[in-house]
C-alpha atoms as a PDB file:
ATOM      1  CA  UNK A   1     -45.244 102.002-219.131  1.00  0.00           C
ATOM      2  CA  UNK A   2     -43.845  99.898-222.563  1.00  0.00           C
ATOM      3  CA  UNK A   3     -40.483  98.827-222.253  1.00  0.00           C
ATOM      4  CA  UNK A   4     -38.357  96.404-224.576  1.00  0.00           C
ATOM      5  CA  UNK A   5     -34.712  96.292-225.549  1.00  0.00           C
ATOM      6  CA  UNK A   6     -34.074  95.724-229.292  1.00  0.00           C
ATOM      7  CA  UNK A   7     -31.061  95.932-231.189  1.00  0.00           C
ATOM      8  CA  UNK A   8     -30.388  98.353-234.598  1.00  0.00           C
ATOM      9  CA  UNK A   9     -28.513  97.761-237.059  1.00  0.00           C
ATOM     10  CA  UNK A  10     -25.804 101.105-237.766  1.00  0.00           C
ATOM     11  CA  UNK A  11     -23.605  99.894-240.147  1.00  0.00           C
ATOM     12  CA  UNK A  12     -21.170  99.466-237.802  1.00  0.00           C
ATOM     13  CA  UNK A  13     -22.699  96.951-235.309  1.00  0.00           C
ATOM     14  CA  UNK A  14     -25.546  95.984-233.382  1.00  0.00           C
ATOM     15  CA  UNK A  15     -26.313  98.079-231.396  1.00  0.00           C
ATOM     16  CA  UNK A  16     -28.642  97.316-228.225  1.00  0.00           C
ATOM     17  CA  UNK A  17     -31.003  99.574-226.960  1.00  0.00           C
ATOM     18  CA  UNK A  18     -33.339  99.800-223.879  1.00  0.00           C
ATOM     19  CA  UNK A  19     -36.108 101.444-224.861  1.00  0.00           C
ATOM     20  CA  UNK A  20     -39.388 102.820-222.561  1.00  0.00           C
ATOM     21  CA  UNK A  21     -42.194 105.086-222.892  1.00  0.00           C
ATOM     22  CA  UNK A  22     -46.136 105.450-221.216  1.00  0.00           C
ATOM     23  CA  UNK A  23     -48.469 102.555-222.162  1.00  0.00           C
ATOM     24  CA  UNK A  24     -50.393 104.220-224.972  1.00  0.00           C
ATOM     25  CA  UNK A  25     -48.475 107.182-225.609  1.00  0.00           C
ATOM     26  CA  UNK A  26     -48.789 108.590-229.401  1.00  0.00           C
ATOM     27  CA  UNK A  27     -45.715 110.784-230.664  1.00  0.00           C
ATOM     28  CA  UNK A  28     -44.429 111.449-227.592  1.00  0.00           C
ATOM     29  CA  UNK A  29     -40.900 113.364-227.417  1.00  0.00           C
ATOM     30  CA  UNK A  30     -37.734 111.538-227.259  1.00  0.00           C
ATOM     31  CA  UNK A  31     -35.614 111.291-225.101  1.00  0.00           C
ATOM     32  CA  UNK A  32     -31.956 109.877-225.810  1.00  0.00           C
ATOM     33  CA  UNK A  33     -29.950 108.647-222.350  1.00  0.00           C
ATOM     34  CA  UNK A  34     -26.349 107.809-223.034  1.00  0.00           C
ATOM     35  CA  UNK A  35     -24.721 105.785-220.603  1.00  0.00           C
ATOM     36  CA  UNK A  36     -21.314 106.873-218.171  1.00  0.00           C
ATOM     37  CA  UNK A  37     -18.482 104.486-218.909  1.00  0.00           C
ATOM     38  CA  UNK A  38     -19.336 101.575-216.380  1.00  0.00           C
ATOM     39  CA  UNK A  39     -21.876 100.925-218.686  1.00  0.00           C
ATOM     40  CA  UNK A  40     -25.366 100.227-219.258  1.00  0.00           C
ATOM     41  CA  UNK A  41     -26.936  98.351-216.408  1.00  0.00           C
ATOM     42  CA  UNK A  42     -30.243  98.070-214.093  1.00  0.00           C
ATOM     43  CA  UNK A  43     -29.201 101.724-212.279  1.00  0.00           C
ATOM     44  CA  UNK A  44     -29.330 103.388-215.649  1.00  0.00           C
ATOM     45  CA  UNK A  45     -32.977 101.356-217.133  1.00  0.00           C
ATOM     46  CA  UNK A  46     -34.212 102.673-213.735  1.00  0.00           C
ATOM     47  CA  UNK A  47     -33.653 106.254-214.755  1.00  0.00           C
ATOM     48  CA  UNK A  48     -34.946 105.749-218.291  1.00  0.00           C
ATOM     49  CA  UNK A  49     -37.915 104.136-216.314  1.00  0.00           C
ATOM     50  CA  UNK A  50     -38.072 107.500-214.626  1.00  0.00           C
ATOM     51  CA  UNK A  51     -37.724 109.686-217.172  1.00  0.00           C
ATOM     52  CA  UNK A  52     -40.182 107.637-219.215  1.00  0.00           C
ATOM     53  CA  UNK A  53     -42.794 107.976-216.312  1.00  0.00           C
ATOM     54  CA  UNK A  54     -42.296 111.984-216.834  1.00  0.00           C
ATOM     55  CA  UNK A  55     -43.984 111.695-220.467  1.00  0.00           C
ATOM     56  CA  UNK A  56     -41.086 110.492-222.460  1.00  0.00           C
ATOM     57  CA  UNK A  57     -39.841 108.462-225.244  1.00  0.00           C
ATOM     58  CA  UNK A  58     -36.570 107.260-223.981  1.00  0.00           C
ATOM     59  CA  UNK A  59     -34.209 105.694-225.404  1.00  0.00           C
ATOM     60  CA  UNK A  60     -30.313 103.543-224.017  1.00  0.00           C
ATOM     61  CA  UNK A  61     -28.233 102.713-226.041  1.00  0.00           C
ATOM     62  CA  UNK A  62     -25.625 100.281-225.508  1.00  0.00           C
ATOM     63  CA  UNK A  63     -22.487 102.546-226.854  1.00  0.00           C
ATOM     64  CA  UNK A  64     -20.181 100.005-226.666  1.00  0.00           C
ATOM     65  CA  UNK A  65     -21.732  97.603-229.229  1.00  0.00           C
ATOM     66  CA  UNK A  66     -19.047  97.892-231.583  1.00  0.00           C
ATOM     67  CA  UNK A  67     -16.624  95.846-229.269  1.00  0.00           C
ATOM     68  CA  UNK A  68     -19.549  93.850-226.958  1.00  0.00           C
ATOM     69  CA  UNK A  69     -22.766  93.477-227.290  1.00  0.00           C
ATOM     70  CA  UNK A  70     -22.802  94.185-223.147  1.00  0.00           C
ATOM     71  CA  UNK A  71     -20.317  95.721-220.161  1.00  0.00           C
ATOM     72  CA  UNK A  72     -21.183  96.669-216.822  1.00  0.00           C
ATOM     73  CA  UNK A  73     -18.429  97.535-214.747  1.00  0.00           C
ATOM     74  CA  UNK A  74     -17.670  95.353-211.529  1.00  0.00           C
ATOM     75  CA  UNK A  75     -16.379  98.828-209.562  1.00  0.00           C
ATOM     76  CA  UNK A  76     -14.290  95.802-207.167  1.00  0.00           C
ATOM     77  CA  UNK A  77     -11.911  94.103-210.282  1.00  0.00           C
ATOM     78  CA  UNK A  78      -9.194  95.932-211.580  1.00  0.00           C
ATOM     79  CA  UNK A  79      -9.651  93.544-214.546  1.00  0.00           C
ATOM     80  CA  UNK A  80     -13.570  95.013-215.290  1.00  0.00           C
ATOM     81  CA  UNK A  81     -11.742  98.572-214.828  1.00  0.00           C
ATOM     82  CA  UNK A  82      -8.996  98.428-217.652  1.00  0.00           C
ATOM     83  CA  UNK A  83     -11.616  96.773-219.669  1.00  0.00           C
ATOM     84  CA  UNK A  84     -13.331  99.466-219.072  1.00  0.00           C
ATOM     85  CA  UNK A  85     -10.694 101.755-220.354  1.00  0.00           C
ATOM     86  CA  UNK A  86     -10.226 100.038-223.546  1.00  0.00           C
ATOM     87  CA  UNK A  87     -13.624 100.043-224.525  1.00  0.00           C
ATOM     88  CA  UNK A  88     -13.661 103.595-223.752  1.00  0.00           C
ATOM     89  CA  UNK A  89     -10.984 104.353-226.245  1.00  0.00           C
ATOM     90  CA  UNK A  90     -13.062 102.800-229.097  1.00  0.00           C
ATOM     91  CA  UNK A  91     -15.885 105.137-229.652  1.00  0.00           C
ATOM     92  CA  UNK A  92     -15.893 109.176-229.503  1.00  0.00           C
ATOM     93  CA  UNK A  93     -17.987 112.280-230.094  1.00  0.00           C
ATOM     94  CA  UNK A  94     -18.920 111.874-233.485  1.00  0.00           C
ATOM     95  CA  UNK A  95     -18.604 107.970-233.310  1.00  0.00           C
ATOM     96  CA  UNK A  96     -22.190 108.658-230.557  1.00  0.00           C
ATOM     97  CA  UNK A  97     -24.064 111.092-232.962  1.00  0.00           C
ATOM     98  CA  UNK A  98     -23.781 108.659-235.566  1.00  0.00           C
ATOM     99  CA  UNK A  99     -25.516 106.567-233.512  1.00  0.00           C
ATOM    100  CA  UNK A 100     -27.885 109.251-232.151  1.00  0.00           C
ATOM    101  CA  UNK A 101     -28.376 109.605-235.765  1.00  0.00           C
ATOM    102  CA  UNK A 102     -29.625 105.700-236.302  1.00  0.00           C
ATOM    103  CA  UNK A 103     -31.749 105.639-232.758  1.00  0.00           C
ATOM    104  CA  UNK A 104     -34.057 108.991-234.167  1.00  0.00           C
ATOM    105  CA  UNK A 105     -34.117 106.887-237.380  1.00  0.00           C
ATOM    106  CA  UNK A 106     -35.527 103.897-235.599  1.00  0.00           C
ATOM    107  CA  UNK A 107     -37.494 105.936-232.898  1.00  0.00           C
ATOM    108  CA  UNK A 108     -39.308 107.018-236.348  1.00  0.00           C
ATOM    109  CA  UNK A 109     -40.799 103.986-237.086  1.00  0.00           C
ATOM    110  CA  UNK A 110     -41.952 104.133-233.580  1.00  0.00           C
ATOM    111  CA  UNK A 111     -45.572 105.445-233.959  1.00  0.00           C
ATOM    112  CA  UNK A 112     -45.247 106.216-230.233  1.00  0.00           C
ATOM    113  CA  UNK A 113     -42.049 108.410-230.662  1.00  0.00           C
ATOM    114  CA  UNK A 114     -41.998 111.746-232.128  1.00  0.00           C
ATOM    115  CA  UNK A 115     -38.447 111.925-233.712  1.00  0.00           C
ATOM    116  CA  UNK A 116     -38.196 115.797-234.249  1.00  0.00           C
ATOM    117  CA  UNK A 117     -38.794 117.094-231.036  1.00  0.00           C
ATOM    118  CA  UNK A 118     -35.980 115.267-228.814  1.00  0.00           C
ATOM    119  CA  UNK A 119     -33.399 116.284-225.941  1.00  0.00           C
ATOM    120  CA  UNK A 120     -30.562 113.970-224.714  1.00  0.00           C
ATOM    121  CA  UNK A 121     -28.556 113.643-221.667  1.00  0.00           C
ATOM    122  CA  UNK A 122     -25.276 112.524-221.435  1.00  0.00           C
ATOM    123  CA  UNK A 123     -23.026 111.646-217.934  1.00  0.00           C
ATOM    124  CA  UNK A 124     -19.139 111.536-217.250  1.00  0.00           C
ATOM    125  CA  UNK A 125     -17.875 109.946-220.381  1.00  0.00           C
ATOM    126  CA  UNK A 126     -21.289 110.600-222.328  1.00  0.00           C
ATOM    127  CA  UNK A 127     -21.672 114.175-221.274  1.00  0.00           C
ATOM    128  CA  UNK A 128     -19.583 115.392-223.905  1.00  0.00           C
ATOM    129  CA  UNK A 129     -21.576 112.946-226.602  1.00  0.00           C
ATOM    130  CA  UNK A 130     -24.850 114.397-225.899  1.00  0.00           C
ATOM    131  CA  UNK A 131     -23.382 118.261-226.345  1.00  0.00           C
ATOM    132  CA  UNK A 132     -21.699 117.138-229.950  1.00  0.00           C
ATOM    133  CA  UNK A 133     -24.824 115.354-230.624  1.00  0.00           C
ATOM    134  CA  UNK A 134     -26.875 118.675-230.032  1.00  0.00           C
ATOM    135  CA  UNK A 135     -24.964 120.631-232.817  1.00  0.00           C
ATOM    136  CA  UNK A 136     -24.684 117.140-235.269  1.00  0.00           C
ATOM    137  CA  UNK A 137     -28.610 117.397-235.122  1.00  0.00           C
ATOM    138  CA  UNK A 138     -29.734 120.529-234.500  1.00  0.00           C
ATOM    139  CA  UNK A 139     -32.546 120.526-236.768  1.00  0.00           C
ATOM    140  CA  UNK A 140     -34.309 118.606-234.220  1.00  0.00           C
ATOM    141  CA  UNK A 141     -32.038 118.376-230.779  1.00  0.00           C
ATOM    142  CA  UNK A 142     -34.183 121.263-228.826  1.00  0.00           C
ATOM    143  CA  UNK A 143     -32.622 120.245-225.059  1.00  0.00           C
ATOM    144  CA  UNK A 144     -29.584 118.858-224.103  1.00  0.00           C
ATOM    145  CA  UNK A 145     -27.768 118.138-220.670  1.00  0.00           C
ATOM    146  CA  UNK A 146     -24.175 117.196-219.462  1.00  0.00           C
ATOM    147  CA  UNK A 147     -23.595 116.385-215.452  1.00  0.00           C
ATOM    148  CA  UNK A 148     -20.158 115.793-215.147  1.00  0.00           C
ATOM    149  CA  UNK A 149     -19.482 115.285-218.313  1.00  0.00           C
ATOM    150  CA  UNK A 150     -15.667 115.131-219.072  1.00  0.00           C
ATOM    151  CA  UNK A 151     -13.407 116.694-221.815  1.00  0.00           C
ATOM    152  CA  UNK A 152     -15.807 119.331-222.527  1.00  0.00           C
ATOM    153  CA  UNK A 153     -12.803 122.152-223.387  1.00  0.00           C
ATOM    154  CA  UNK A 154      -9.524 120.326-224.733  1.00  0.00           C
ATOM    155  CA  UNK A 155      -7.052 121.004-227.139  1.00  0.00           C
ATOM    156  CA  UNK A 156      -8.645 118.661-229.967  1.00  0.00           C
ATOM    157  CA  UNK A 157     -11.069 118.703-232.925  1.00  0.00           C
ATOM    158  CA  UNK A 158     -14.075 117.497-231.618  1.00  0.00           C
ATOM    159  CA  UNK A 159     -13.691 118.798-228.368  1.00  0.00           C
ATOM    160  CA  UNK A 160     -17.447 120.135-227.617  1.00  0.00           C
ATOM    161  CA  UNK A 161     -17.136 123.357-226.957  1.00  0.00           C
ATOM    162  CA  UNK A 162     -15.737 124.087-230.741  1.00  0.00           C
ATOM    163  CA  UNK A 163     -19.167 122.984-232.076  1.00  0.00           C
ATOM    164  CA  UNK A 164     -20.915 125.383-229.598  1.00  0.00           C
ATOM    165  CA  UNK A 165     -21.837 127.960-232.586  1.00  0.00           C
ATOM    166  CA  UNK A 166     -24.013 125.094-234.053  1.00  0.00           C
ATOM    167  CA  UNK A 167     -26.449 124.102-231.106  1.00  0.00           C
ATOM    168  CA  UNK A 168     -29.670 125.426-232.139  1.00  0.00           C
ATOM    169  CA  UNK A 169     -31.168 124.160-228.443  1.00  0.00           C
ATOM    170  CA  UNK A 170     -31.213 124.800-225.228  1.00  0.00           C
ATOM    171  CA  UNK A 171     -27.856 123.401-222.734  1.00  0.00           C
ATOM    172  CA  UNK A 172     -27.767 122.220-219.036  1.00  0.00           C
ATOM    173  CA  UNK A 173     -24.491 121.483-217.837  1.00  0.00           C
ATOM    174  CA  UNK A 174     -23.324 120.633-214.752  1.00  0.00           C
ATOM    175  CA  UNK A 175     -20.243 119.871-212.568  1.00  0.00           C
ATOM    176  CA  UNK A 176     -18.633 118.707-209.230  1.00  0.00           C
ATOM    177  CA  UNK A 177     -16.930 120.915-207.216  1.00  0.00           C
ATOM    178  CA  UNK A 178     -14.370 117.997-206.542  1.00  0.00           C
ATOM    179  CA  UNK A 179     -13.478 116.265-209.931  1.00  0.00           C
ATOM    180  CA  UNK A 180     -10.343 115.167-211.253  1.00  0.00           C
ATOM    181  CA  UNK A 181     -11.653 114.525-214.143  1.00  0.00           C
ATOM    182  CA  UNK A 182     -12.858 117.863-214.800  1.00  0.00           C
ATOM    183  CA  UNK A 183     -11.236 120.769-212.989  1.00  0.00           C
ATOM    184  CA  UNK A 184     -13.609 123.936-212.450  1.00  0.00           C
ATOM    185  CA  UNK A 185     -10.811 125.061-214.278  1.00  0.00           C
ATOM    186  CA  UNK A 186     -11.583 123.360-217.590  1.00  0.00           C
ATOM    187  CA  UNK A 187     -15.421 124.257-216.979  1.00  0.00           C
ATOM    188  CA  UNK A 188     -14.670 127.812-216.658  1.00  0.00           C
ATOM    189  CA  UNK A 189     -13.123 127.469-219.752  1.00  0.00           C
ATOM    190  CA  UNK A 190     -16.057 126.367-221.236  1.00  0.00           C
ATOM    191  CA  UNK A 191     -18.624 129.060-219.720  1.00  0.00           C
ATOM    192  CA  UNK A 192     -16.461 131.347-220.997  1.00  0.00           C
ATOM    193  CA  UNK A 193     -16.972 130.052-224.488  1.00  0.00           C
ATOM    194  CA  UNK A 194     -20.645 129.724-224.016  1.00  0.00           C
ATOM    195  CA  UNK A 195     -20.771 133.434-223.048  1.00  0.00           C
ATOM    196  CA  UNK A 196     -19.415 134.564-226.622  1.00  0.00           C
ATOM    197  CA  UNK A 197     -21.698 132.768-228.308  1.00  0.00           C
ATOM    198  CA  UNK A 198     -25.326 132.912-229.085  1.00  0.00           C
ATOM    199  CA  UNK A 199     -26.307 129.340-227.366  1.00  0.00           C
ATOM    200  CA  UNK A 200     -29.509 129.303-225.204  1.00  0.00           C
ATOM    201  CA  UNK A 201     -28.206 127.364-221.588  1.00  0.00           C
ATOM    202  CA  UNK A 202     -26.178 127.427-218.231  1.00  0.00           C
ATOM    203  CA  UNK A 203     -23.604 126.089-216.924  1.00  0.00           C
ATOM    204  CA  UNK A 204     -23.990 125.280-212.492  1.00  0.00           C
ATOM    205  CA  UNK A 205     -21.800 124.101-210.339  1.00  0.00           C
ATOM    206  CA  UNK A 206     -22.916 121.693-207.428  1.00  0.00           C
ATOM    207  CA  UNK A 207     -20.718 123.056-204.464  1.00  0.00           C
ATOM    208  CA  UNK A 208     -19.697 120.285-201.974  1.00  0.00           C
ATOM    209  CA  UNK A 209     -19.770 117.531-204.273  1.00  0.00           C
ATOM    210  CA  UNK A 210     -17.643 115.052-206.431  1.00  0.00           C
ATOM    211  CA  UNK A 211     -17.681 113.037-209.731  1.00  0.00           C
ATOM    212  CA  UNK A 212     -20.235 110.212-209.964  1.00  0.00           C
ATOM    213  CA  UNK A 213     -22.502 112.965-207.190  1.00  0.00           C
ATOM    214  CA  UNK A 214     -26.132 111.245-209.254  1.00  0.00           C
ATOM    215  CA  UNK A 215     -25.418 107.527-209.416  1.00  0.00           C
ATOM    216  CA  UNK A 216     -26.242 105.491-205.923  1.00  0.00           C
ATOM    217  CA  UNK A 217     -23.615 102.790-206.932  1.00  0.00           C
ATOM    218  CA  UNK A 218     -20.701 105.571-206.680  1.00  0.00           C
ATOM    219  CA  UNK A 219     -18.777 106.163-203.328  1.00  0.00           C
ATOM    220  CA  UNK A 220     -19.987 110.189-204.325  1.00  0.00           C
ATOM    221  CA  UNK A 221     -23.451 109.271-204.071  1.00  0.00           C
ATOM    222  CA  UNK A 222     -25.099 112.851-202.826  1.00  0.00           C
ATOM    223  CA  UNK A 223     -29.200 112.407-202.383  1.00  0.00           C
ATOM    224  CA  UNK A 224     -29.327 116.238-202.122  1.00  0.00           C
ATOM    225  CA  UNK A 225     -27.216 116.738-205.618  1.00  0.00           C
ATOM    226  CA  UNK A 226     -29.296 113.849-207.290  1.00  0.00           C
ATOM    227  CA  UNK A 227     -32.634 115.371-206.529  1.00  0.00           C
ATOM    228  CA  UNK A 228     -30.895 119.022-207.708  1.00  0.00           C
ATOM    229  CA  UNK A 229     -29.821 117.081-211.252  1.00  0.00           C
ATOM    230  CA  UNK A 230     -33.613 115.403-211.569  1.00  0.00           C
ATOM    231  CA  UNK A 231     -35.539 118.575-211.207  1.00  0.00           C
ATOM    232  CA  UNK A 232     -32.707 120.399-213.477  1.00  0.00           C
ATOM    233  CA  UNK A 233     -33.350 117.371-216.131  1.00  0.00           C
ATOM    234  CA  UNK A 234     -36.935 117.884-216.208  1.00  0.00           C
ATOM    235  CA  UNK A 235     -37.322 121.398-215.894  1.00  0.00           C
ATOM    236  CA  UNK A 236     -35.031 121.781-219.099  1.00  0.00           C
ATOM    237  CA  UNK A 237     -36.595 119.121-221.307  1.00  0.00           C
ATOM    238  CA  UNK A 238     -40.258 120.048-219.968  1.00  0.00           C
ATOM    239  CA  UNK A 239     -39.704 123.757-220.661  1.00  0.00           C
ATOM    240  CA  UNK A 240     -37.799 122.596-224.528  1.00  0.00           C
ATOM    241  CA  UNK A 241     -40.106 119.371-225.462  1.00  0.00           C
ATOM    242  CA  UNK A 242     -43.377 120.285-224.638  1.00  0.00           C
ATOM    243  CA  UNK A 243     -43.804 123.607-226.291  1.00  0.00           C
END
C-alpha cells in the first residue's frame, strides 16, 4: 500500500488529507471518505486503508481545516466535546461539496487515481455531506453511502432530500433503530422522497443498533452491524465503480 499525508490548498485554507491506495495502482477508482464529527483520527485512517485494500484510491480529508489543522475528540472531556460542536457549526453541505471538488482536482494530478469514477461515504455528521456531494458532482459520482447520517430531511434549503433529483449515481442509506440524532420518522420521510424520484438506491434500517454502530471507539459499537456495513459499502462501490 502507498499512503501519504498531503495538504490541498482550497482557496479557503489548507486541507490536510490522508491518501492511501494500492501499490503500483494505475487509474483506480477514487473513494472520498468523509470523517464524522470526532475528527480525522487513527480509526478512520485504518478504515481508509481497508477500503484501499479493496482496490480504491481513498482520500480522507480534515473537514475542519478552515478552523484548525487537526482535531480528535477526547470522548471523556466536556471541553473537547464543546469544541467539536463549535467546529461542526463552521461547515455544511455546500462547503464540503466544494472540498470534494478540490479533492477531485488533486486526484487528477495523480496517475494512480481515476477521478472520473468516484464514490463517497459519510458517517453521522458527514452522511448528508456525501449525499449532497453526489448531487453536486453527479458527472463523476457513481455511488454514495450514508451511515447513520444526520439531517437527511430537514426544513432547510440545503437538506439532502431536496437534491435527490440531481443524483446520477446509486445511493445507500443505513440508519440505526435507536438514534436520537436521526429518528426513524426522518428516515421514513427521506425514503419517501427517494421513492418519488428516479434516483437508484435503497434505505436500510439496522434493527437493534444505536447511533455509531460502525465505529469501535463508540459505546454503541456493534460488530455484526459493522460487518454488515462493510459488506454493503463494498458491494455498492464494487458494482458501480468497476464497470
